[in-house]
Amino acid sequence: MAGTFAGALEARHIEIDPQRYEVEAIGEIVLDEKVLVIRRITVRYRLAVAEDRRAEVERVHGFHARFCPVARSIEGAIDVRTELEMI
C-alpha cells in the first residue's frame, strides 16, 4: 500500500522526501477457534507535504487502496484501514 500511495503521489508530481515518509502497519490478531487470525490492518502514513498540496494528498489517500494489489487481494477477508498525518 505504501508503494501504491507513493506512486499515486509521484504521478501527480507531488514530491515526497523519502527521509520524511514514514509508514507503519499494525495488525489486529484474534484467536478464532484456537487459530490466530488477522482481522484488521491499519496502515498509518506520516509525511511532509507542502501546504498547497495537502488537499490533493488527502484526495489521493482517499482512493489509493482501491488500486493496491495487496489491499484488493485481501478485501473482504481482512479489514484494511489507512490513516494519514501530514507534517
PDB file of N, CA and C in Angstrom:
ATOM      1  N   MET A   1       0.815  -1.184   0.000  1.00  0.00           N
ATOM      2  CA  MET A   1       0.000   0.000   0.000  1.00  0.00           C
ATOM      3  C   MET A   1       0.863   1.254   0.000  1.00  0.00           C
ATOM      4  N   ALA A   2       1.971   1.193   0.707  1.00  0.00           N
ATOM      5  CA  ALA A   2       2.853   2.361   0.773  1.00  0.00           C
ATOM      6  C   ALA A   2       3.381   2.715  -0.605  1.00  0.00           C
ATOM      7  N   GLY A   3       3.716   1.715  -1.381  1.00  0.00           N
ATOM      8  CA  GLY A   3       4.219   1.953  -2.723  1.00  0.00           C
ATOM      9  C   GLY A   3       3.130   2.493  -3.649  1.00  0.00           C
ATOM     10  N   THR A   4       1.917   1.985  -3.516  1.00  0.00           N
ATOM     11  CA  THR A   4       0.809   2.467  -4.324  1.00  0.00           C
ATOM     12  C   THR A   4       0.513   3.927  -4.002  1.00  0.00           C
ATOM     13  N   PHE A   5       0.521   4.260  -2.720  1.00  0.00           N
ATOM     14  CA  PHE A   5       0.268   5.635  -2.302  1.00  0.00           C
ATOM     15  C   PHE A   5       1.368   6.563  -2.816  1.00  0.00           C
ATOM     16  N   ALA A   6       2.620   6.168  -2.610  1.00  0.00           N
ATOM     17  CA  ALA A   6       3.748   6.987  -3.073  1.00  0.00           C
ATOM     18  C   ALA A   6       3.724   7.133  -4.592  1.00  0.00           C
ATOM     19  N   GLY A   7       3.400   6.066  -5.299  1.00  0.00           N
ATOM     20  CA  GLY A   7       3.342   6.121  -6.757  1.00  0.00           C
ATOM     21  C   GLY A   7       2.240   7.044  -7.255  1.00  0.00           C
ATOM     22  N   ALA A   8       1.096   7.020  -6.584  1.00  0.00           N
ATOM     23  CA  ALA A   8      -0.008   7.903  -6.970  1.00  0.00           C
ATOM     24  C   ALA A   8       0.361   9.365  -6.733  1.00  0.00           C
ATOM     25  N   LEU A   9       1.097   9.633  -5.665  1.00  0.00           N
ATOM     26  CA  LEU A   9       1.557  10.999  -5.405  1.00  0.00           C
ATOM     27  C   LEU A   9       2.579  11.427  -6.462  1.00  0.00           C
ATOM     28  N   GLU A  10       3.480  10.521  -6.765  1.00  0.00           N
ATOM     29  CA  GLU A  10       4.508  10.818  -7.767  1.00  0.00           C
ATOM     30  C   GLU A  10       3.869  11.104  -9.138  1.00  0.00           C
ATOM     31  N   ALA A  11       2.843  10.361  -9.491  1.00  0.00           N
ATOM     32  CA  ALA A  11       2.162  10.565 -10.766  1.00  0.00           C
ATOM     33  C   ALA A  11       1.543  11.957 -10.866  1.00  0.00           C
ATOM     34  N   ARG A  12       1.263  12.541  -9.709  1.00  0.00           N
ATOM     35  CA  ARG A  12       0.686  13.880  -9.668  1.00  0.00           C
ATOM     36  C   ARG A  12       1.742  14.948  -9.393  1.00  0.00           C
ATOM     37  N   HIS A  13       3.004  14.541  -9.498  1.00  0.00           N
ATOM     38  CA  HIS A  13       4.149  15.441  -9.297  1.00  0.00           C
ATOM     39  C   HIS A  13       4.163  16.061  -7.906  1.00  0.00           C
ATOM     40  N   ILE A  14       3.725  15.267  -6.927  1.00  0.00           N
ATOM     41  CA  ILE A  14       3.807  15.689  -5.529  1.00  0.00           C
ATOM     42  C   ILE A  14       5.056  15.045  -4.960  1.00  0.00           C
ATOM     43  N   GLU A  15       6.046  15.857  -4.701  1.00  0.00           N
ATOM     44  CA  GLU A  15       7.328  15.333  -4.236  1.00  0.00           C
ATOM     45  C   GLU A  15       7.256  14.937  -2.765  1.00  0.00           C
ATOM     46  N   ILE A  16       7.774  13.752  -2.508  1.00  0.00           N
ATOM     47  CA  ILE A  16       7.832  13.223  -1.148  1.00  0.00           C
ATOM     48  C   ILE A  16       9.284  12.961  -0.811  1.00  0.00           C
ATOM     49  N   ASP A  17       9.733  13.516   0.276  1.00  0.00           N
ATOM     50  CA  ASP A  17      11.093  13.299   0.752  1.00  0.00           C
ATOM     51  C   ASP A  17      11.143  11.920   1.414  1.00  0.00           C
ATOM     52  N   PRO A  18      11.915  10.978   0.882  1.00  0.00           N
ATOM     53  CA  PRO A  18      11.975   9.635   1.470  1.00  0.00           C
ATOM     54  C   PRO A  18      12.389   9.641   2.942  1.00  0.00           C
ATOM     55  N   GLN A  19      13.140  10.651   3.340  1.00  0.00           N
ATOM     56  CA  GLN A  19      13.558  10.753   4.744  1.00  0.00           C
ATOM     57  C   GLN A  19      12.409  11.201   5.651  1.00  0.00           C
ATOM     58  N   ARG A  20      11.351  11.735   5.039  1.00  0.00           N
ATOM     59  CA  ARG A  20      10.219  12.236   5.815  1.00  0.00           C
ATOM     60  C   ARG A  20       8.917  11.543   5.414  1.00  0.00           C
ATOM     61  N   TYR A  21       9.044  10.301   4.931  1.00  0.00           N
ATOM     62  CA  TYR A  21       7.896   9.477   4.559  1.00  0.00           C
ATOM     63  C   TYR A  21       7.951   8.225   5.419  1.00  0.00           C
ATOM     64  N   GLU A  22       7.049   8.144   6.379  1.00  0.00           N
ATOM     65  CA  GLU A  22       7.021   7.010   7.303  1.00  0.00           C
ATOM     66  C   GLU A  22       5.722   6.243   7.127  1.00  0.00           C
ATOM     67  N   VAL A  23       5.839   4.931   7.179  1.00  0.00           N
ATOM     68  CA  VAL A  23       4.665   4.073   7.075  1.00  0.00           C
ATOM     69  C   VAL A  23       4.744   3.034   8.185  1.00  0.00           C
ATOM     70  N   GLU A  24       3.636   2.865   8.874  1.00  0.00           N
ATOM     71  CA  GLU A  24       3.556   1.874   9.941  1.00  0.00           C
ATOM     72  C   GLU A  24       2.301   1.035   9.693  1.00  0.00           C
ATOM     73  N   ALA A  25       2.442  -0.267   9.728  1.00  0.00           N
ATOM     74  CA  ALA A  25       1.299  -1.166   9.576  1.00  0.00           C
ATOM     75  C   ALA A  25       1.104  -1.925  10.877  1.00  0.00           C
ATOM     76  N   ILE A  26      -0.113  -1.906  11.358  1.00  0.00           N
ATOM     77  CA  ILE A  26      -0.443  -2.571  12.621  1.00  0.00           C
ATOM     78  C   ILE A  26      -1.549  -3.582  12.346  1.00  0.00           C
ATOM     79  N   GLY A  27      -1.297  -4.830  12.713  1.00  0.00           N
ATOM     80  CA  GLY A  27      -2.292  -5.878  12.528  1.00  0.00           C
ATOM     81  C   GLY A  27      -3.008  -6.188  13.821  1.00  0.00           C
ATOM     82  N   GLU A  28      -4.303  -6.363  13.720  1.00  0.00           N
ATOM     83  CA  GLU A  28      -5.105  -6.788  14.871  1.00  0.00           C
ATOM     84  C   GLU A  28      -5.369  -8.279  14.705  1.00  0.00           C
ATOM     85  N   ILE A  29      -4.837  -9.051  15.618  1.00  0.00           N
ATOM     86  CA  ILE A  29      -4.924 -10.509  15.520  1.00  0.00           C
ATOM     87  C   ILE A  29      -5.804 -11.025  16.648  1.00  0.00           C
ATOM     88  N   VAL A  30      -6.700 -11.934  16.311  1.00  0.00           N
ATOM     89  CA  VAL A  30      -7.605 -12.518  17.303  1.00  0.00           C
ATOM     90  C   VAL A  30      -7.479 -14.035  17.268  1.00  0.00           C
ATOM     91  N   LEU A  31      -7.877 -14.644  18.347  1.00  0.00           N
ATOM     92  CA  LEU A  31      -7.912 -16.100  18.434  1.00  0.00           C
ATOM     93  C   LEU A  31      -9.313 -16.554  18.025  1.00  0.00           C
ATOM     94  N   ASP A  32      -9.412 -17.294  16.939  1.00  0.00           N
ATOM     95  CA  ASP A  32     -10.685 -17.769  16.411  1.00  0.00           C
ATOM     96  C   ASP A  32     -10.633 -19.286  16.355  1.00  0.00           C
ATOM     97  N   GLU A  33     -11.349 -19.933  17.256  1.00  0.00           N
ATOM     98  CA  GLU A  33     -11.355 -21.396  17.349  1.00  0.00           C
ATOM     99  C   GLU A  33      -9.930 -21.947  17.423  1.00  0.00           C
ATOM    100  N   LYS A  34      -9.132 -21.369  18.301  1.00  0.00           N
ATOM    101  CA  LYS A  34      -7.756 -21.787  18.586  1.00  0.00           C
ATOM    102  C   LYS A  34      -6.788 -21.507  17.431  1.00  0.00           C
ATOM    103  N   VAL A  35      -7.191 -20.633  16.513  1.00  0.00           N
ATOM    104  CA  VAL A  35      -6.338 -20.249  15.394  1.00  0.00           C
ATOM    105  C   VAL A  35      -6.172 -18.728  15.420  1.00  0.00           C
ATOM    106  N   LEU A  36      -4.932 -18.274  15.289  1.00  0.00           N
ATOM    107  CA  LEU A  36      -4.690 -16.839  15.202  1.00  0.00           C
ATOM    108  C   LEU A  36      -5.098 -16.343  13.812  1.00  0.00           C
ATOM    109  N   VAL A  37      -5.935 -15.306  13.782  1.00  0.00           N
ATOM    110  CA  VAL A  37      -6.477 -14.788  12.539  1.00  0.00           C
ATOM    111  C   VAL A  37      -6.298 -13.268  12.514  1.00  0.00           C
ATOM    112  N   ILE A  38      -5.841 -12.757  11.393  1.00  0.00           N
ATOM    113  CA  ILE A  38      -5.731 -11.307  11.236  1.00  0.00           C
ATOM    114  C   ILE A  38      -7.108 -10.765  10.882  1.00  0.00           C
ATOM    115  N   ARG A  39      -7.626  -9.874  11.713  1.00  0.00           N
ATOM    116  CA  ARG A  39      -8.945  -9.286  11.477  1.00  0.00           C
ATOM    117  C   ARG A  39      -8.862  -7.912  10.827  1.00  0.00           C
ATOM    118  N   ARG A  40      -7.836  -7.146  11.208  1.00  0.00           N
ATOM    119  CA  ARG A  40      -7.743  -5.781  10.718  1.00  0.00           C
ATOM    120  C   ARG A  40      -6.292  -5.383  10.572  1.00  0.00           C
ATOM    121  N   ILE A  41      -6.017  -4.589   9.549  1.00  0.00           N
ATOM    122  CA  ILE A  41      -4.703  -3.989   9.363  1.00  0.00           C
ATOM    123  C   ILE A  41      -4.916  -2.490   9.221  1.00  0.00           C
ATOM    124  N   THR A  42      -4.196  -1.735  10.026  1.00  0.00           N
ATOM    125  CA  THR A  42      -4.238  -0.281   9.920  1.00  0.00           C
ATOM    126  C   THR A  42      -2.881   0.185   9.420  1.00  0.00           C
ATOM    127  N   VAL A  43      -2.894   0.905   8.311  1.00  0.00           N
ATOM    128  CA  VAL A  43      -1.667   1.444   7.725  1.00  0.00           C
ATOM    129  C   VAL A  43      -1.669   2.938   8.000  1.00  0.00           C
ATOM    130  N   ARG A  44      -0.620   3.403   8.694  1.00  0.00           N
ATOM    131  CA  ARG A  44      -0.512   4.818   9.038  1.00  0.00           C
ATOM    132  C   ARG A  44       0.604   5.458   8.228  1.00  0.00           C
ATOM    133  N   TYR A  45       0.231   6.499   7.499  1.00  0.00           N
ATOM    134  CA  TYR A  45       1.207   7.257   6.717  1.00  0.00           C
ATOM    135  C   TYR A  45       1.503   8.559   7.454  1.00  0.00           C
ATOM    136  N   ARG A  46       2.769   8.926   7.470  1.00  0.00           N
ATOM    137  CA  ARG A  46       3.194  10.215   8.034  1.00  0.00           C
ATOM    138  C   ARG A  46       4.191  10.796   7.042  1.00  0.00           C
ATOM    139  N   LEU A  47       3.887  11.972   6.504  1.00  0.00           N
ATOM    140  CA  LEU A  47       4.768  12.544   5.505  1.00  0.00           C
ATOM    141  C   LEU A  47       4.704  14.062   5.512  1.00  0.00           C
ATOM    142  N   ALA A  48       5.797  14.635   5.069  1.00  0.00           N
ATOM    143  CA  ALA A  48       5.879  16.083   4.928  1.00  0.00           C
ATOM    144  C   ALA A  48       5.287  16.458   3.576  1.00  0.00           C
ATOM    145  N   VAL A  49       4.374  17.425   3.586  1.00  0.00           N
ATOM    146  CA  VAL A  49       3.692  17.847   2.373  1.00  0.00           C
ATOM    147  C   VAL A  49       3.620  19.367   2.360  1.00  0.00           C
ATOM    148  N   ALA A  50       3.877  19.944   1.194  1.00  0.00           N
ATOM    149  CA  ALA A  50       3.737  21.393   1.049  1.00  0.00           C
ATOM    150  C   ALA A  50       2.279  21.779   1.303  1.00  0.00           C
ATOM    151  N   GLU A  51       2.088  22.894   1.936  1.00  0.00           N
ATOM    152  CA  GLU A  51       0.745  23.355   2.309  1.00  0.00           C
ATOM    153  C   GLU A  51      -0.208  23.387   1.107  1.00  0.00           C
ATOM    154  N   ASP A  52       0.271  23.839  -0.039  1.00  0.00           N
ATOM    155  CA  ASP A  52      -0.602  23.977  -1.205  1.00  0.00           C
ATOM    156  C   ASP A  52      -0.945  22.642  -1.874  1.00  0.00           C
ATOM    157  N   ARG A  53      -0.378  21.547  -1.408  1.00  0.00           N
ATOM    158  CA  ARG A  53      -0.657  20.224  -1.996  1.00  0.00           C
ATOM    159  C   ARG A  53      -1.443  19.314  -1.046  1.00  0.00           C
ATOM    160  N   ARG A  54      -1.742  19.800   0.138  1.00  0.00           N
ATOM    161  CA  ARG A  54      -2.382  18.947   1.154  1.00  0.00           C
ATOM    162  C   ARG A  54      -3.745  18.408   0.721  1.00  0.00           C
ATOM    163  N   ALA A  55      -4.563  19.230   0.122  1.00  0.00           N
ATOM    164  CA  ALA A  55      -5.886  18.770  -0.305  1.00  0.00           C
ATOM    165  C   ALA A  55      -5.767  17.648  -1.331  1.00  0.00           C
ATOM    166  N   GLU A  56      -4.813  17.780  -2.225  1.00  0.00           N
ATOM    167  CA  GLU A  56      -4.614  16.748  -3.245  1.00  0.00           C
ATOM    168  C   GLU A  56      -4.094  15.457  -2.619  1.00  0.00           C
ATOM    169  N   VAL A  57      -3.211  15.563  -1.643  1.00  0.00           N
ATOM    170  CA  VAL A  57      -2.705  14.375  -0.946  1.00  0.00           C
ATOM    171  C   VAL A  57      -3.849  13.678  -0.218  1.00  0.00           C
ATOM    172  N   GLU A  58      -4.721  14.440   0.416  1.00  0.00           N
ATOM    173  CA  GLU A  58      -5.874  13.847   1.097  1.00  0.00           C
ATOM    174  C   GLU A  58      -6.783  13.123   0.103  1.00  0.00           C
ATOM    175  N   ARG A  59      -6.970  13.710  -1.075  1.00  0.00           N
ATOM    176  CA  ARG A  59      -7.808  13.083  -2.097  1.00  0.00           C
ATOM    177  C   ARG A  59      -7.190  11.760  -2.551  1.00  0.00           C
ATOM    178  N   VAL A  60      -5.885  11.750  -2.806  1.00  0.00           N
ATOM    179  CA  VAL A  60      -5.193  10.526  -3.206  1.00  0.00           C
ATOM    180  C   VAL A  60      -5.290   9.475  -2.101  1.00  0.00           C
ATOM    181  N   HIS A  61      -5.121   9.905  -0.870  1.00  0.00           N
ATOM    182  CA  HIS A  61      -5.234   8.983   0.265  1.00  0.00           C
ATOM    183  C   HIS A  61      -6.614   8.328   0.290  1.00  0.00           C
ATOM    184  N   GLY A  62      -7.623   9.079  -0.101  1.00  0.00           N
ATOM    185  CA  GLY A  62      -8.987   8.562  -0.077  1.00  0.00           C
ATOM    186  C   GLY A  62      -9.266   7.448  -1.062  1.00  0.00           C
ATOM    187  N   PHE A  63      -8.499   7.347  -2.134  1.00  0.00           N
ATOM    188  CA  PHE A  63      -8.801   6.306  -3.129  1.00  0.00           C
ATOM    189  C   PHE A  63      -7.664   5.330  -3.404  1.00  0.00           C
ATOM    190  N   HIS A  64      -6.466   5.564  -2.900  1.00  0.00           N
ATOM    191  CA  HIS A  64      -5.320   4.744  -3.324  1.00  0.00           C
ATOM    192  C   HIS A  64      -5.477   3.256  -3.027  1.00  0.00           C
ATOM    193  N   ALA A  65      -6.151   2.900  -1.947  1.00  0.00           N
ATOM    194  CA  ALA A  65      -6.276   1.485  -1.576  1.00  0.00           C
ATOM    195  C   ALA A  65      -7.026   0.681  -2.646  1.00  0.00           C
ATOM    196  N   ARG A  66      -7.937   1.333  -3.356  1.00  0.00           N
ATOM    197  CA  ARG A  66      -8.685   0.630  -4.418  1.00  0.00           C
ATOM    198  C   ARG A  66      -7.779   0.176  -5.550  1.00  0.00           C
ATOM    199  N   PHE A  67      -6.596   0.785  -5.655  1.00  0.00           N
ATOM    200  CA  PHE A  67      -5.669   0.449  -6.738  1.00  0.00           C
ATOM    201  C   PHE A  67      -4.455  -0.338  -6.250  1.00  0.00           C
ATOM    202  N   CYS A  68      -4.483  -0.753  -5.003  1.00  0.00           N
ATOM    203  CA  CYS A  68      -3.372  -1.510  -4.422  1.00  0.00           C
ATOM    204  C   CYS A  68      -3.642  -3.012  -4.576  1.00  0.00           C
ATOM    205  N   PRO A  69      -2.730  -3.749  -5.222  1.00  0.00           N
ATOM    206  CA  PRO A  69      -2.931  -5.186  -5.403  1.00  0.00           C
ATOM    207  C   PRO A  69      -3.093  -5.948  -4.079  1.00  0.00           C
ATOM    208  N   VAL A  70      -2.337  -5.580  -3.080  1.00  0.00           N
ATOM    209  CA  VAL A  70      -2.431  -6.283  -1.790  1.00  0.00           C
ATOM    210  C   VAL A  70      -3.775  -6.009  -1.130  1.00  0.00           C
ATOM    211  N   ALA A  71      -4.153  -4.746  -1.048  1.00  0.00           N
ATOM    212  CA  ALA A  71      -5.429  -4.397  -0.416  1.00  0.00           C
ATOM    213  C   ALA A  71      -6.596  -5.060  -1.143  1.00  0.00           C
ATOM    214  N   ARG A  72      -6.549  -5.065  -2.462  1.00  0.00           N
ATOM    215  CA  ARG A  72      -7.629  -5.690  -3.238  1.00  0.00           C
ATOM    216  C   ARG A  72      -7.651  -7.202  -3.055  1.00  0.00           C
ATOM    217  N   SER A  73      -6.490  -7.806  -2.880  1.00  0.00           N
ATOM    218  CA  SER A  73      -6.415  -9.258  -2.729  1.00  0.00           C
ATOM    219  C   SER A  73      -7.021  -9.737  -1.416  1.00  0.00           C
ATOM    220  N   ILE A  74      -6.871  -8.948  -0.373  1.00  0.00           N
ATOM    221  CA  ILE A  74      -7.369  -9.384   0.934  1.00  0.00           C
ATOM    222  C   ILE A  74      -8.722  -8.757   1.286  1.00  0.00           C
ATOM    223  N   GLU A  75      -9.236  -7.940   0.385  1.00  0.00           N
ATOM    224  CA  GLU A  75     -10.524  -7.283   0.581  1.00  0.00           C
ATOM    225  C   GLU A  75     -11.600  -8.323   0.893  1.00  0.00           C
ATOM    226  N   GLY A  76     -12.377  -8.046   1.901  1.00  0.00           N
ATOM    227  CA  GLY A  76     -13.436  -8.968   2.293  1.00  0.00           C
ATOM    228  C   GLY A  76     -13.004  -9.944   3.369  1.00  0.00           C
ATOM    229  N   ALA A  77     -11.729 -10.292   3.395  1.00  0.00           N
ATOM    230  CA  ALA A  77     -11.230 -11.214   4.413  1.00  0.00           C
ATOM    231  C   ALA A  77     -10.634 -10.460   5.599  1.00  0.00           C
ATOM    232  N   ILE A  78      -9.961  -9.363   5.308  1.00  0.00           N
ATOM    233  CA  ILE A  78      -9.309  -8.563   6.337  1.00  0.00           C
ATOM    234  C   ILE A  78      -9.705  -7.107   6.131  1.00  0.00           C
ATOM    235  N   ASP A  79     -10.134  -6.471   7.200  1.00  0.00           N
ATOM    236  CA  ASP A  79     -10.491  -5.056   7.147  1.00  0.00           C
ATOM    237  C   ASP A  79      -9.194  -4.248   7.085  1.00  0.00           C
ATOM    238  N   VAL A  80      -9.031  -3.462   6.024  1.00  0.00           N
ATOM    239  CA  VAL A  80      -7.834  -2.645   5.861  1.00  0.00           C
ATOM    240  C   VAL A  80      -8.241  -1.182   5.998  1.00  0.00           C
ATOM    241  N   ARG A  81      -7.549  -0.494   6.907  1.00  0.00           N
ATOM    242  CA  ARG A  81      -7.811   0.922   7.133  1.00  0.00           C
ATOM    243  C   ARG A  81      -6.521   1.695   6.959  1.00  0.00           C
ATOM    244  N   THR A  82      -6.654   2.945   6.572  1.00  0.00           N
ATOM    245  CA  THR A  82      -5.470   3.785   6.453  1.00  0.00           C
ATOM    246  C   THR A  82      -5.710   5.089   7.214  1.00  0.00           C
ATOM    247  N   GLU A  83      -4.614   5.639   7.711  1.00  0.00           N
ATOM    248  CA  GLU A  83      -4.635   6.927   8.389  1.00  0.00           C
ATOM    249  C   GLU A  83      -3.532   7.776   7.788  1.00  0.00           C
ATOM    250  N   LEU A  84      -3.759   9.085   7.744  1.00  0.00           N
ATOM    251  CA  LEU A  84      -2.811   9.998   7.138  1.00  0.00           C
ATOM    252  C   LEU A  84      -2.514  11.135   8.086  1.00  0.00           C
ATOM    253  N   GLU A  85      -1.233  11.365   8.325  1.00  0.00           N
ATOM    254  CA  GLU A  85      -0.768  12.523   9.096  1.00  0.00           C
ATOM    255  C   GLU A  85       0.198  13.301   8.229  1.00  0.00           C
ATOM    256  N   MET A  86      -0.133  14.546   7.975  1.00  0.00           N
ATOM    257  CA  MET A  86       0.748  15.390   7.198  1.00  0.00           C
ATOM    258  C   MET A  86       1.444  16.370   8.126  1.00  0.00           C
ATOM    259  N   ILE A  87       2.776  16.489   7.954  1.00  0.00           N
ATOM    260  CA  ILE A  87       3.544  17.375   8.811  1.00  0.00           C
ATOM    261  C   ILE A  87       4.152  18.494   7.991  1.00  0.00           C
TER     262      ILE A  87
END
